[in-house]
Amino acid sequence: MNAALPPSLALVGAGKMGGAMLEGWLSIGLPPHAVSVFDAHPSDAIQALCAARGLALNPQQIAPPAVLVLATKPQTLEAVAPLVEGIVSPDTVLVSILAGKTIADLLRRVPTVRAVVRAMPNLPASIGAGATGAFANEAVTEEGRARAHALLAANGIVEWLPSEDLIDAVTALSGSGPSYVFHLVECLAEAGAQAGLPPDLALRLARATVTGAGRLLEASDLGADVLRQNVTSPGGTTAAALEVLMGEGGMAPLMTEAVAAAKRRAEALSG
């Protein structure tokens, strides 16, 4: 067991992200008896996991946990806050992955808590390849931060932020980013079909191209710009395509606009 893992933990919200995080914690040695899971409508998969591993699912009463991870939808904060308030103590570290909900929002609704970590993971956390941005308020001790880090790092990389103000930008970039990549696959496959390939073949090639490029980027010490240049021969086919993608109105301004829109939406979810 990782020595930094908390001695007790409550997970409130065991949907896709909460469930993926839970599986990551168990995989690195968090004892099942240390975990309590709360979910108003647990999926069959979560019920089966809790039964198989001996996790407490929706217990009537628990001792205040060292860490409580809040992983519900941000729109449900008002409804779930009384449950959280009834579980925690002033010594509990609250780790929230609710998009848009600030530390001030959380403290207003869960006044017993003092130490809060805001974090934004992303969907690849479900396969241990996530990217999480996190910020801890001043009440989080070194031990509390280490415990939060151990939990978040079970599902991928963790980047600690110097300011809470940056969380919404992280949400827009890496939090929502996997969807942008999935849409890239869709667009690439459609372009291949328009170029004459059978649609199913175009989709298989598009998936393999994007996942292969990602694996190459991860394995290489070279930057994305250098890798791009390495496969772009002057006057070649790739150069012709990049003239479009890197031209006026191409991918860069579209991505900037998309991330800005996601950031505005994250900001609108506060309160």
C-alpha atoms as a PDB file:
ATOM      1  CA  MET A   1       0.000   0.000   0.000  1.00  0.00           C
ATOM      2  CA  ASN A   2       1.151   3.513  -0.832  1.00  0.00           C
ATOM      3  CA  ALA A   3       2.038   5.110   2.526  1.00  0.00           C
ATOM      4  CA  ALA A   4       0.482   8.405   1.419  1.00  0.00           C
ATOM      5  CA  LEU A   5      -2.965   6.897   0.894  1.00  0.00           C
ATOM      6  CA  PRO A   6      -5.534   8.002   3.494  1.00  0.00           C
ATOM      7  CA  PRO A   7      -6.539   5.618   6.285  1.00  0.00           C
ATOM      8  CA  SER A   8     -10.206   6.186   5.452  1.00  0.00           C
ATOM      9  CA  LEU A   9     -12.024   7.576   2.424  1.00  0.00           C
ATOM     10  CA  ALA A  10     -15.561   8.358   1.347  1.00  0.00           C
ATOM     11  CA  LEU A  11     -16.500   8.632  -2.322  1.00  0.00           C
ATOM     12  CA  VAL A  12     -19.674  10.596  -3.007  1.00  0.00           C
ATOM     13  CA  GLY A  13     -20.706  10.021  -6.604  1.00  0.00           C
ATOM     14  CA  ALA A  14     -19.662   6.792  -8.318  1.00  0.00           C
ATOM     15  CA  GLY A  15     -20.491   7.518 -11.936  1.00  0.00           C
ATOM     16  CA  LYS A  16     -18.055   7.016 -14.799  1.00  0.00           C
ATOM     17  CA  MET A  17     -15.335   9.264 -13.380  1.00  0.00           C
ATOM     18  CA  GLY A  18     -15.890   8.434  -9.722  1.00  0.00           C
ATOM     19  CA  GLY A  19     -16.012   4.731 -10.536  1.00  0.00           C
ATOM     20  CA  ALA A  20     -12.813   4.937 -12.591  1.00  0.00           C
ATOM     21  CA  MET A  21     -11.037   6.731  -9.756  1.00  0.00           C
ATOM     22  CA  LEU A  22     -12.256   4.123  -7.277  1.00  0.00           C
ATOM     23  CA  GLU A  23     -10.843   1.285  -9.367  1.00  0.00           C
ATOM     24  CA  GLY A  24      -7.541   3.149  -9.604  1.00  0.00           C
ATOM     25  CA  TRP A  25      -7.329   3.544  -5.816  1.00  0.00           C
ATOM     26  CA  LEU A  26      -8.003  -0.139  -5.236  1.00  0.00           C
ATOM     27  CA  SER A  27      -5.371  -1.056  -7.830  1.00  0.00           C
ATOM     28  CA  ILE A  28      -2.640   0.774  -5.908  1.00  0.00           C
ATOM     29  CA  GLY A  29      -3.499  -0.815  -2.601  1.00  0.00           C
ATOM     30  CA  LEU A  30      -6.186   1.260  -0.865  1.00  0.00           C
ATOM     31  CA  PRO A  31      -7.787  -1.290   1.499  1.00  0.00           C
ATOM     32  CA  PRO A  32     -11.443  -1.940   0.617  1.00  0.00           C
ATOM     33  CA  HIS A  33     -12.424  -1.759   4.278  1.00  0.00           C
ATOM     34  CA  ALA A  34     -11.208   1.840   4.335  1.00  0.00           C
ATOM     35  CA  VAL A  35     -13.655   2.945   1.614  1.00  0.00           C
ATOM     36  CA  SER A  36     -17.299   3.977   1.790  1.00  0.00           C
ATOM     37  CA  VAL A  37     -19.177   4.682  -1.447  1.00  0.00           C
ATOM     38  CA  PHE A  38     -22.255   6.884  -1.655  1.00  0.00           C
ATOM     39  CA  ASP A  39     -24.369   7.045  -4.792  1.00  0.00           C
ATOM     40  CA  ALA A  40     -28.113   7.565  -5.040  1.00  0.00           C
ATOM     41  CA  HIS A  41     -28.370   5.364  -8.123  1.00  0.00           C
ATOM     42  CA  PRO A  42     -25.309   3.095  -8.251  1.00  0.00           C
ATOM     43  CA  SER A  43     -24.770   1.299 -11.534  1.00  0.00           C
ATOM     44  CA  ASP A  44     -24.779  -2.477 -11.750  1.00  0.00           C
ATOM     45  CA  ALA A  45     -20.998  -2.307 -12.210  1.00  0.00           C
ATOM     46  CA  ILE A  46     -20.506  -0.315  -8.988  1.00  0.00           C
ATOM     47  CA  GLN A  47     -22.821  -2.605  -7.051  1.00  0.00           C
ATOM     48  CA  ALA A  48     -20.900  -5.611  -8.320  1.00  0.00           C
ATOM     49  CA  LEU A  49     -17.524  -4.016  -7.513  1.00  0.00           C
ATOM     50  CA  CYS A  50     -18.597  -3.137  -3.980  1.00  0.00           C
ATOM     51  CA  ALA A  51     -19.968  -6.613  -3.386  1.00  0.00           C
ATOM     52  CA  ALA A  52     -16.894  -8.337  -4.805  1.00  0.00           C
ATOM     53  CA  ARG A  53     -14.351  -6.208  -2.954  1.00  0.00           C
ATOM     54  CA  GLY A  54     -16.249  -5.700   0.298  1.00  0.00           C
ATOM     55  CA  LEU A  55     -16.755  -1.938  -0.065  1.00  0.00           C
ATOM     56  CA  ALA A  56     -19.454  -0.276   2.014  1.00  0.00           C
ATOM     57  CA  LEU A  57     -22.129   1.022  -0.386  1.00  0.00           C
ATOM     58  CA  ASN A  58     -24.459   3.717   0.962  1.00  0.00           C
ATOM     59  CA  PRO A  59     -23.856   2.892   4.641  1.00  0.00           C
ATOM     60  CA  GLN A  60     -26.230   4.499   7.118  1.00  0.00           C
ATOM     61  CA  GLN A  61     -23.426   5.925   9.258  1.00  0.00           C
ATOM     62  CA  ILE A  62     -19.630   6.144   9.100  1.00  0.00           C
ATOM     63  CA  ALA A  63     -16.885   7.783  11.118  1.00  0.00           C
ATOM     64  CA  PRO A  64     -15.659  11.025   9.523  1.00  0.00           C
ATOM     65  CA  PRO A  65     -13.182  10.024   6.805  1.00  0.00           C
ATOM     66  CA  ALA A  66      -9.673  11.415   6.396  1.00  0.00           C
ATOM     67  CA  VAL A  67     -10.562  12.286   2.793  1.00  0.00           C
ATOM     68  CA  LEU A  68     -13.898  12.716   1.040  1.00  0.00           C
ATOM     69  CA  VAL A  69     -13.888  12.767  -2.757  1.00  0.00           C
ATOM     70  CA  LEU A  70     -16.882  14.558  -4.256  1.00  0.00           C
ATOM     71  CA  ALA A  71     -17.477  13.277  -7.784  1.00  0.00           C
ATOM     72  CA  THR A  72     -21.123  14.041  -8.541  1.00  0.00           C
ATOM     73  CA  LYS A  73     -22.384  16.275 -11.346  1.00  0.00           C
ATOM     74  CA  PRO A  74     -21.769  19.961 -10.501  1.00  0.00           C
ATOM     75  CA  GLN A  75     -25.484  20.707 -10.882  1.00  0.00           C
ATOM     76  CA  THR A  76     -26.245  18.351  -7.976  1.00  0.00           C
ATOM     77  CA  LEU A  77     -24.059  20.112  -5.389  1.00  0.00           C
ATOM     78  CA  GLU A  78     -27.011  21.748  -3.663  1.00  0.00           C
ATOM     79  CA  ALA A  79     -28.777  18.402  -3.276  1.00  0.00           C
ATOM     80  CA  VAL A  80     -25.751  16.361  -2.178  1.00  0.00           C
ATOM     81  CA  ALA A  81     -24.221  18.952   0.190  1.00  0.00           C
ATOM     82  CA  PRO A  82     -26.295  17.893   3.253  1.00  0.00           C
ATOM     83  CA  LEU A  83     -25.031  14.312   2.846  1.00  0.00           C
ATOM     84  CA  VAL A  84     -21.425  15.520   2.652  1.00  0.00           C
ATOM     85  CA  GLU A  85     -21.878  17.859   5.621  1.00  0.00           C
ATOM     86  CA  GLY A  86     -23.204  14.946   7.665  1.00  0.00           C
ATOM     87  CA  ILE A  87     -20.168  12.793   6.906  1.00  0.00           C
ATOM     88  CA  VAL A  88     -17.179  15.100   7.309  1.00  0.00           C
ATOM     89  CA  SER A  89     -15.334  16.558  10.268  1.00  0.00           C
ATOM     90  CA  PRO A  90     -13.116  19.671  10.450  1.00  0.00           C
ATOM     91  CA  ASP A  91     -10.133  17.364   9.851  1.00  0.00           C
ATOM     92  CA  THR A  92     -11.499  15.861   6.627  1.00  0.00           C
ATOM     93  CA  VAL A  93      -9.855  16.900   3.358  1.00  0.00           C
ATOM     94  CA  LEU A  94     -12.528  17.499   0.731  1.00  0.00           C
ATOM     95  CA  VAL A  95     -11.354  16.686  -2.801  1.00  0.00           C
ATOM     96  CA  SER A  96     -13.838  17.986  -5.369  1.00  0.00           C
ATOM     97  CA  ILE A  97     -13.837  17.225  -9.084  1.00  0.00           C
ATOM     98  CA  LEU A  98     -16.972  19.294  -9.743  1.00  0.00           C
ATOM     99  CA  ALA A  99     -16.433  21.487 -12.797  1.00  0.00           C
ATOM    100  CA  GLY A 100     -16.980  25.168 -12.110  1.00  0.00           C
ATOM    101  CA  LYS A 101     -17.668  24.849  -8.390  1.00  0.00           C
ATOM    102  CA  THR A 102     -15.145  27.001  -6.535  1.00  0.00           C
ATOM    103  CA  ILE A 103     -13.671  26.407  -3.108  1.00  0.00           C
ATOM    104  CA  ALA A 104     -15.865  29.247  -1.843  1.00  0.00           C
ATOM    105  CA  ASP A 105     -18.938  27.501  -3.323  1.00  0.00           C
ATOM    106  CA  LEU A 106     -17.987  24.293  -1.525  1.00  0.00           C
ATOM    107  CA  LEU A 107     -17.245  25.909   1.827  1.00  0.00           C
ATOM    108  CA  ARG A 108     -20.590  27.725   1.811  1.00  0.00           C
ATOM    109  CA  ARG A 109     -22.428  24.435   1.421  1.00  0.00           C
ATOM    110  CA  VAL A 110     -20.158  22.249   3.565  1.00  0.00           C
ATOM    111  CA  PRO A 111     -19.151  24.642   6.373  1.00  0.00           C
ATOM    112  CA  THR A 112     -17.649  21.959   8.630  1.00  0.00           C
ATOM    113  CA  VAL A 113     -14.818  21.426   6.148  1.00  0.00           C
ATOM    114  CA  ARG A 114     -11.765  23.669   6.070  1.00  0.00           C
ATOM    115  CA  ALA A 115      -9.285  21.884   3.814  1.00  0.00           C
ATOM    116  CA  VAL A 116     -10.355  21.689   0.155  1.00  0.00           C
ATOM    117  CA  VAL A 117      -8.616  20.426  -2.975  1.00  0.00           C
ATOM    118  CA  ARG A 118     -10.194  21.250  -6.331  1.00  0.00           C
ATOM    119  CA  ALA A 119      -9.187  18.842  -9.059  1.00  0.00           C
ATOM    120  CA  MET A 120     -10.107  18.281 -12.673  1.00  0.00           C
ATOM    121  CA  PRO A 121      -9.279  14.831 -14.077  1.00  0.00           C
ATOM    122  CA  ASN A 122     -10.268  13.621 -17.532  1.00  0.00           C
ATOM    123  CA  LEU A 123     -11.782  10.516 -19.084  1.00  0.00           C
ATOM    124  CA  PRO A 124      -8.499   8.646 -19.821  1.00  0.00           C
ATOM    125  CA  ALA A 125      -8.247   8.326 -16.032  1.00  0.00           C
ATOM    126  CA  SER A 126     -10.485   5.287 -16.599  1.00  0.00           C
ATOM    127  CA  ILE A 127      -7.469   3.460 -18.095  1.00  0.00           C
ATOM    128  CA  GLY A 128      -4.845   5.023 -15.836  1.00  0.00           C
ATOM    129  CA  ALA A 129      -3.792   7.569 -18.462  1.00  0.00           C
ATOM    130  CA  GLY A 130      -5.528  10.669 -17.132  1.00  0.00           C
ATOM    131  CA  ALA A 131      -4.293  14.225 -16.776  1.00  0.00           C
ATOM    132  CA  THR A 132      -5.414  16.091 -13.659  1.00  0.00           C
ATOM    133  CA  GLY A 133      -4.932  19.709 -12.637  1.00  0.00           C
ATOM    134  CA  ALA A 134      -5.316  20.404  -8.902  1.00  0.00           C
ATOM    135  CA  PHE A 135      -5.256  23.279  -6.425  1.00  0.00           C
ATOM    136  CA  ALA A 136      -5.207  23.104  -2.610  1.00  0.00           C
ATOM    137  CA  ASN A 137      -6.370  25.907  -0.333  1.00  0.00           C
ATOM    138  CA  GLU A 138      -4.249  27.139   2.577  1.00  0.00           C
ATOM    139  CA  ALA A 139      -5.975  24.842   5.079  1.00  0.00           C
ATOM    140  CA  VAL A 140      -4.656  21.712   3.338  1.00  0.00           C
ATOM    141  CA  THR A 141      -1.657  20.413   5.255  1.00  0.00           C
ATOM    142  CA  GLU A 142       1.389  18.777   3.695  1.00  0.00           C
ATOM    143  CA  GLU A 143      -0.038  15.404   4.741  1.00  0.00           C
ATOM    144  CA  GLY A 144      -3.432  16.246   3.261  1.00  0.00           C
ATOM    145  CA  ARG A 145      -1.888  17.317  -0.021  1.00  0.00           C
ATOM    146  CA  ALA A 146       0.189  14.122  -0.162  1.00  0.00           C
ATOM    147  CA  ARG A 147      -2.948  12.042   0.379  1.00  0.00           C
ATOM    148  CA  ALA A 148      -4.821  13.926  -2.344  1.00  0.00           C
ATOM    149  CA  HIS A 149      -1.871  13.537  -4.698  1.00  0.00           C
ATOM    150  CA  ALA A 150      -1.654   9.784  -4.088  1.00  0.00           C
ATOM    151  CA  LEU A 151      -5.348   9.384  -4.898  1.00  0.00           C
ATOM    152  CA  LEU A 152      -5.270  11.549  -8.021  1.00  0.00           C
ATOM    153  CA  ALA A 153      -2.009  10.035  -9.302  1.00  0.00           C
ATOM    154  CA  ALA A 154      -3.573   6.551  -9.230  1.00  0.00           C
ATOM    155  CA  ASN A 155      -5.223   7.448 -12.545  1.00  0.00           C
ATOM    156  CA  GLY A 156      -2.490   9.390 -14.367  1.00  0.00           C
ATOM    157  CA  ILE A 157      -0.369  12.523 -14.106  1.00  0.00           C
ATOM    158  CA  VAL A 158      -1.134  15.319 -11.635  1.00  0.00           C
ATOM    159  CA  GLU A 159      -0.198  18.970 -12.127  1.00  0.00           C
ATOM    160  CA  TRP A 160      -0.537  21.247  -9.076  1.00  0.00           C
ATOM    161  CA  LEU A 161      -1.646  24.761  -9.924  1.00  0.00           C
ATOM    162  CA  PRO A 162      -0.441  27.981  -8.261  1.00  0.00           C
ATOM    163  CA  SER A 163      -3.915  29.539  -8.379  1.00  0.00           C
ATOM    164  CA  GLU A 164      -7.483  28.288  -8.231  1.00  0.00           C
ATOM    165  CA  ASP A 165      -8.267  30.683 -11.073  1.00  0.00           C
ATOM    166  CA  LEU A 166      -6.490  28.283 -13.453  1.00  0.00           C
ATOM    167  CA  ILE A 167      -8.851  25.360 -12.786  1.00  0.00           C
ATOM    168  CA  ASP A 168     -11.411  26.528 -15.340  1.00  0.00           C
ATOM    169  CA  ALA A 169      -8.701  26.701 -18.011  1.00  0.00           C
ATOM    170  CA  VAL A 170      -7.591  23.167 -17.089  1.00  0.00           C
ATOM    171  CA  THR A 171     -11.221  22.060 -17.366  1.00  0.00           C
ATOM    172  CA  ALA A 172     -11.425  23.546 -20.854  1.00  0.00           C
ATOM    173  CA  LEU A 173      -8.101  22.101 -22.018  1.00  0.00           C
ATOM    174  CA  SER A 174      -7.468  18.666 -20.543  1.00  0.00           C
ATOM    175  CA  GLY A 175     -10.791  18.069 -18.786  1.00  0.00           C
ATOM    176  CA  SER A 176     -12.807  18.417 -21.986  1.00  0.00           C
ATOM    177  CA  GLY A 177      -9.874  17.722 -24.302  1.00  0.00           C
ATOM    178  CA  PRO A 178     -10.464  14.001 -24.891  1.00  0.00           C
ATOM    179  CA  SER A 179     -13.735  14.864 -26.610  1.00  0.00           C
ATOM    180  CA  TYR A 180     -11.862  17.146 -28.989  1.00  0.00           C
ATOM    181  CA  VAL A 181      -9.579  14.255 -29.920  1.00  0.00           C
ATOM    182  CA  PHE A 182     -12.521  11.902 -30.403  1.00  0.00           C
ATOM    183  CA  HIS A 183     -14.124  14.464 -32.700  1.00  0.00           C
ATOM    184  CA  LEU A 184     -10.850  14.694 -34.613  1.00  0.00           C
ATOM    185  CA  VAL A 185     -11.140  10.964 -35.284  1.00  0.00           C
ATOM    186  CA  GLU A 186     -14.703  11.472 -36.509  1.00  0.00           C
ATOM    187  CA  CYS A 187     -13.653  14.310 -38.802  1.00  0.00           C
ATOM    188  CA  LEU A 188     -10.627  12.433 -40.130  1.00  0.00           C
ATOM    189  CA  ALA A 189     -12.737   9.360 -40.848  1.00  0.00           C
ATOM    190  CA  GLU A 190     -15.373  11.435 -42.649  1.00  0.00           C
ATOM    191  CA  ALA A 191     -12.668  13.131 -44.712  1.00  0.00           C
ATOM    192  CA  GLY A 192     -11.306   9.724 -45.660  1.00  0.00           C
ATOM    193  CA  ALA A 193     -14.771   8.589 -46.725  1.00  0.00           C
ATOM    194  CA  GLN A 194     -15.180  11.759 -48.780  1.00  0.00           C
ATOM    195  CA  ALA A 195     -11.846  10.943 -50.423  1.00  0.00           C
ATOM    196  CA  GLY A 196     -13.233   7.589 -51.580  1.00  0.00           C
ATOM    197  CA  LEU A 197     -12.485   5.104 -48.799  1.00  0.00           C
ATOM    198  CA  PRO A 198     -15.216   2.793 -47.486  1.00  0.00           C
ATOM    199  CA  PRO A 199     -16.492   4.445 -44.257  1.00  0.00           C
ATOM    200  CA  ASP A 200     -15.627   1.511 -42.005  1.00  0.00           C
ATOM    201  CA  LEU A 201     -12.089   1.354 -43.371  1.00  0.00           C
ATOM    202  CA  ALA A 202     -11.710   5.124 -43.031  1.00  0.00           C
ATOM    203  CA  LEU A 203     -12.784   4.915 -39.386  1.00  0.00           C
ATOM    204  CA  ARG A 204     -10.338   2.113 -38.581  1.00  0.00           C
ATOM    205  CA  LEU A 205      -7.481   4.019 -40.189  1.00  0.00           C
ATOM    206  CA  ALA A 206      -8.451   7.261 -38.430  1.00  0.00           C
ATOM    207  CA  ARG A 207      -8.584   5.556 -35.001  1.00  0.00           C
ATOM    208  CA  ALA A 208      -5.251   3.836 -35.530  1.00  0.00           C
ATOM    209  CA  THR A 209      -3.650   7.044 -36.786  1.00  0.00           C
ATOM    210  CA  VAL A 210      -4.696   9.136 -33.786  1.00  0.00           C
ATOM    211  CA  THR A 211      -3.947   6.484 -31.158  1.00  0.00           C
ATOM    212  CA  GLY A 212      -0.618   5.649 -32.822  1.00  0.00           C
ATOM    213  CA  ALA A 213       0.396   9.303 -33.020  1.00  0.00           C
ATOM    214  CA  GLY A 214      -0.473   9.689 -29.337  1.00  0.00           C
ATOM    215  CA  ARG A 215       1.659   6.693 -28.378  1.00  0.00           C
ATOM    216  CA  LEU A 216       4.537   8.062 -30.447  1.00  0.00           C
ATOM    217  CA  LEU A 217       4.239  11.458 -28.781  1.00  0.00           C
ATOM    218  CA  GLU A 218       4.271   9.812 -25.349  1.00  0.00           C
ATOM    219  CA  ALA A 219       7.292   7.652 -26.194  1.00  0.00           C
ATOM    220  CA  SER A 220       9.348  10.424 -27.803  1.00  0.00           C
ATOM    221  CA  ASP A 221      11.525  13.058 -26.167  1.00  0.00           C
ATOM    222  CA  LEU A 222      10.773  15.353 -29.108  1.00  0.00           C
ATOM    223  CA  GLY A 223       8.163  18.079 -28.983  1.00  0.00           C
ATOM    224  CA  ALA A 224       4.952  17.883 -30.977  1.00  0.00           C
ATOM    225  CA  ASP A 225       6.240  20.607 -33.291  1.00  0.00           C
ATOM    226  CA  VAL A 226       9.410  18.646 -34.096  1.00  0.00           C
ATOM    227  CA  LEU A 227       7.481  15.429 -34.691  1.00  0.00           C
ATOM    228  CA  ARG A 228       5.172  17.309 -37.039  1.00  0.00           C
ATOM    229  CA  GLN A 229       8.116  18.758 -38.939  1.00  0.00           C
ATOM    230  CA  ASN A 230       9.786  15.345 -39.155  1.00  0.00           C
ATOM    231  CA  VAL A 231       6.889  13.889 -41.137  1.00  0.00           C
ATOM    232  CA  THR A 232       6.370  16.936 -43.355  1.00  0.00           C
ATOM    233  CA  SER A 233       8.369  16.830 -46.580  1.00  0.00           C
ATOM    234  CA  PRO A 234       8.561  20.150 -48.439  1.00  0.00           C
ATOM    235  CA  GLY A 235       6.109  20.100 -51.285  1.00  0.00           C
ATOM    236  CA  GLY A 236       4.645  16.769 -50.159  1.00  0.00           C
ATOM    237  CA  THR A 237       1.160  15.590 -49.300  1.00  0.00           C
ATOM    238  CA  THR A 238       1.429  16.360 -45.582  1.00  0.00           C
ATOM    239  CA  ALA A 239       2.641  19.881 -46.336  1.00  0.00           C
ATOM    240  CA  ALA A 240      -0.374  20.420 -48.601  1.00  0.00           C
ATOM    241  CA  ALA A 241      -2.753  19.365 -45.834  1.00  0.00           C
ATOM    242  CA  LEU A 242      -0.990  21.477 -43.208  1.00  0.00           C
ATOM    243  CA  GLU A 243      -1.314  24.554 -45.391  1.00  0.00           C
ATOM    244  CA  VAL A 244      -5.054  24.196 -44.823  1.00  0.00           C
ATOM    245  CA  LEU A 245      -4.939  23.175 -41.154  1.00  0.00           C
ATOM    246  CA  MET A 246      -2.411  25.883 -40.227  1.00  0.00           C
ATOM    247  CA  GLY A 247      -3.853  28.577 -42.459  1.00  0.00           C
ATOM    248  CA  GLU A 248      -6.171  31.425 -41.563  1.00  0.00           C
ATOM    249  CA  GLY A 249      -9.324  29.978 -40.029  1.00  0.00           C
ATOM    250  CA  GLY A 250      -7.592  26.633 -39.552  1.00  0.00           C
ATOM    251  CA  MET A 251      -7.156  24.405 -36.534  1.00  0.00           C
ATOM    252  CA  ALA A 252      -5.366  26.848 -34.196  1.00  0.00           C
ATOM    253  CA  PRO A 253      -8.051  29.576 -34.124  1.00  0.00           C
ATOM    254  CA  LEU A 254     -10.817  26.964 -33.990  1.00  0.00           C
ATOM    255  CA  MET A 255      -9.173  25.227 -31.021  1.00  0.00           C
ATOM    256  CA  THR A 256      -8.612  28.549 -29.276  1.00  0.00           C
ATOM    257  CA  GLU A 257     -12.275  29.408 -29.735  1.00  0.00           C
ATOM    258  CA  ALA A 258     -13.384  25.970 -28.529  1.00  0.00           C
ATOM    259  CA  VAL A 259     -11.265  26.064 -25.369  1.00  0.00           C
ATOM    260  CA  ALA A 260     -12.451  29.612 -24.638  1.00  0.00           C
ATOM    261  CA  ALA A 261     -16.082  28.476 -24.962  1.00  0.00           C
ATOM    262  CA  ALA A 262     -15.484  25.571 -22.574  1.00  0.00           C
ATOM    263  CA  LYS A 263     -13.770  27.891 -20.085  1.00  0.00           C
ATOM    264  CA  ARG A 264     -16.706  30.318 -20.179  1.00  0.00           C
ATOM    265  CA  ARG A 265     -19.092  27.442 -19.492  1.00  0.00           C
ATOM    266  CA  ALA A 266     -16.994  26.253 -16.547  1.00  0.00           C
ATOM    267  CA  GLU A 267     -17.057  29.775 -15.119  1.00  0.00           C
ATOM    268  CA  ALA A 268     -20.835  29.911 -15.560  1.00  0.00           C
ATOM    269  CA  LEU A 269     -21.239  26.747 -13.454  1.00  0.00           C
ATOM    270  CA  SER A 270     -19.868  28.487 -10.336  1.00  0.00           C
ATOM    271  CA  GLY A 271     -22.174  29.637  -7.599  1.00  0.00           C
END
